[in-house]
Amino acid sequence: MKIKNSLKALMGRHRENRMVRRRGRVYIINKRNPRFKARQG
């Protein structure tokens, strides 16, 4: 999982990326291609 300051650029890398808020953190998840997982930190 990548940890980035801004996730906006990572969102556009794959059309199945979803932005999710969990426990006050922002995540990008991708069921089909898990290498796009990221967390805002």
N, C-alpha and C. Protein backbone atom coordinates (compact mmCIF):
# COMPACT_ATOMS: atom_id res chain seq x y z
N MET A 1 0.84 -1.19 0.00
CA MET A 1 0.00 0.00 0.00
C MET A 1 0.88 1.24 0.00
N LYS A 2 0.55 2.18 -0.87
CA LYS A 2 1.28 3.44 -0.91
C LYS A 2 0.67 4.40 0.11
N ILE A 3 1.51 5.24 0.70
CA ILE A 3 1.04 6.28 1.61
C ILE A 3 1.42 7.62 0.99
N LYS A 4 0.41 8.42 0.68
CA LYS A 4 0.64 9.66 -0.06
C LYS A 4 -0.01 10.83 0.67
N ASN A 5 0.48 12.03 0.39
CA ASN A 5 -0.14 13.23 0.95
C ASN A 5 -1.44 13.56 0.22
N SER A 6 -1.47 13.32 -1.08
CA SER A 6 -2.65 13.64 -1.87
C SER A 6 -2.99 12.44 -2.74
N LEU A 7 -4.27 12.07 -2.72
CA LEU A 7 -4.69 10.88 -3.47
C LEU A 7 -5.35 11.23 -4.79
N LYS A 8 -5.50 12.51 -5.07
CA LYS A 8 -6.26 12.91 -6.26
C LYS A 8 -5.62 12.37 -7.54
N ALA A 9 -4.30 12.44 -7.64
CA ALA A 9 -3.63 11.96 -8.85
C ALA A 9 -3.74 10.44 -8.97
N LEU A 10 -3.73 9.74 -7.84
CA LEU A 10 -3.80 8.28 -7.90
C LEU A 10 -5.18 7.79 -8.31
N MET A 11 -6.20 8.59 -8.06
CA MET A 11 -7.56 8.17 -8.39
C MET A 11 -7.72 7.92 -9.89
N GLY A 12 -7.08 8.71 -10.71
CA GLY A 12 -7.27 8.61 -12.14
C GLY A 12 -6.47 7.53 -12.82
N ARG A 13 -5.70 6.77 -12.07
CA ARG A 13 -4.82 5.78 -12.70
C ARG A 13 -5.56 4.54 -13.17
N HIS A 14 -6.74 4.28 -12.59
CA HIS A 14 -7.50 3.10 -12.99
C HIS A 14 -8.97 3.42 -12.80
N ARG A 15 -9.80 2.96 -13.71
CA ARG A 15 -11.20 3.40 -13.64
C ARG A 15 -11.99 2.70 -12.56
N GLU A 16 -11.43 1.67 -11.94
CA GLU A 16 -12.14 0.98 -10.85
C GLU A 16 -11.71 1.43 -9.47
N ASN A 17 -10.86 2.45 -9.40
CA ASN A 17 -10.45 2.95 -8.09
C ASN A 17 -11.63 3.58 -7.37
N ARG A 18 -11.74 3.31 -6.09
CA ARG A 18 -12.79 3.90 -5.26
C ARG A 18 -12.13 4.61 -4.09
N MET A 19 -12.64 5.79 -3.75
CA MET A 19 -12.14 6.52 -2.60
C MET A 19 -13.07 6.26 -1.42
N VAL A 20 -12.50 5.82 -0.31
CA VAL A 20 -13.28 5.38 0.85
C VAL A 20 -12.70 6.04 2.09
N ARG A 21 -13.59 6.48 3.00
CA ARG A 21 -13.15 6.99 4.29
C ARG A 21 -13.41 5.94 5.35
N ARG A 22 -12.36 5.56 6.06
CA ARG A 22 -12.48 4.59 7.15
C ARG A 22 -11.70 5.08 8.35
N ARG A 23 -12.38 5.19 9.48
CA ARG A 23 -11.76 5.61 10.75
C ARG A 23 -10.98 6.91 10.58
N GLY A 24 -11.55 7.84 9.83
CA GLY A 24 -10.92 9.15 9.66
C GLY A 24 -9.78 9.19 8.67
N ARG A 25 -9.46 8.08 8.04
CA ARG A 25 -8.41 8.07 7.02
C ARG A 25 -9.05 7.87 5.66
N VAL A 26 -8.37 8.38 4.64
CA VAL A 26 -8.89 8.27 3.28
C VAL A 26 -8.08 7.19 2.56
N TYR A 27 -8.78 6.26 1.94
CA TYR A 27 -8.14 5.14 1.24
C TYR A 27 -8.59 5.10 -0.20
N ILE A 28 -7.73 4.57 -1.06
CA ILE A 28 -8.14 4.18 -2.41
C ILE A 28 -8.07 2.67 -2.46
N ILE A 29 -9.17 2.05 -2.87
CA ILE A 29 -9.20 0.60 -2.99
C ILE A 29 -9.59 0.22 -4.41
N ASN A 30 -9.10 -0.93 -4.83
CA ASN A 30 -9.38 -1.41 -6.18
C ASN A 30 -9.48 -2.93 -6.09
N LYS A 31 -10.71 -3.44 -6.22
CA LYS A 31 -10.91 -4.88 -6.05
C LYS A 31 -10.23 -5.68 -7.15
N ARG A 32 -10.25 -5.15 -8.36
CA ARG A 32 -9.73 -5.92 -9.47
C ARG A 32 -8.21 -5.90 -9.52
N ASN A 33 -7.60 -4.78 -9.13
CA ASN A 33 -6.15 -4.65 -9.23
C ASN A 33 -5.61 -4.07 -7.92
N PRO A 34 -5.31 -4.91 -6.92
CA PRO A 34 -4.98 -4.40 -5.60
C PRO A 34 -3.69 -3.60 -5.53
N ARG A 35 -2.89 -3.56 -6.58
CA ARG A 35 -1.67 -2.77 -6.47
C ARG A 35 -1.91 -1.27 -6.45
N PHE A 36 -3.14 -0.84 -6.70
CA PHE A 36 -3.47 0.57 -6.65
C PHE A 36 -3.92 1.02 -5.26
N LYS A 37 -3.83 0.13 -4.26
CA LYS A 37 -4.25 0.52 -2.91
C LYS A 37 -3.38 1.66 -2.40
N ALA A 38 -4.00 2.63 -1.73
CA ALA A 38 -3.23 3.74 -1.18
C ALA A 38 -3.98 4.30 0.03
N ARG A 39 -3.19 4.98 0.88
CA ARG A 39 -3.75 5.62 2.05
C ARG A 39 -3.22 7.03 2.12
N GLN A 40 -4.07 7.96 2.54
CA GLN A 40 -3.61 9.34 2.71
C GLN A 40 -3.00 9.47 4.09
N GLY A 41 -1.77 10.01 4.16
CA GLY A 41 -1.13 10.05 5.44
C GLY A 41 -0.31 11.28 5.63
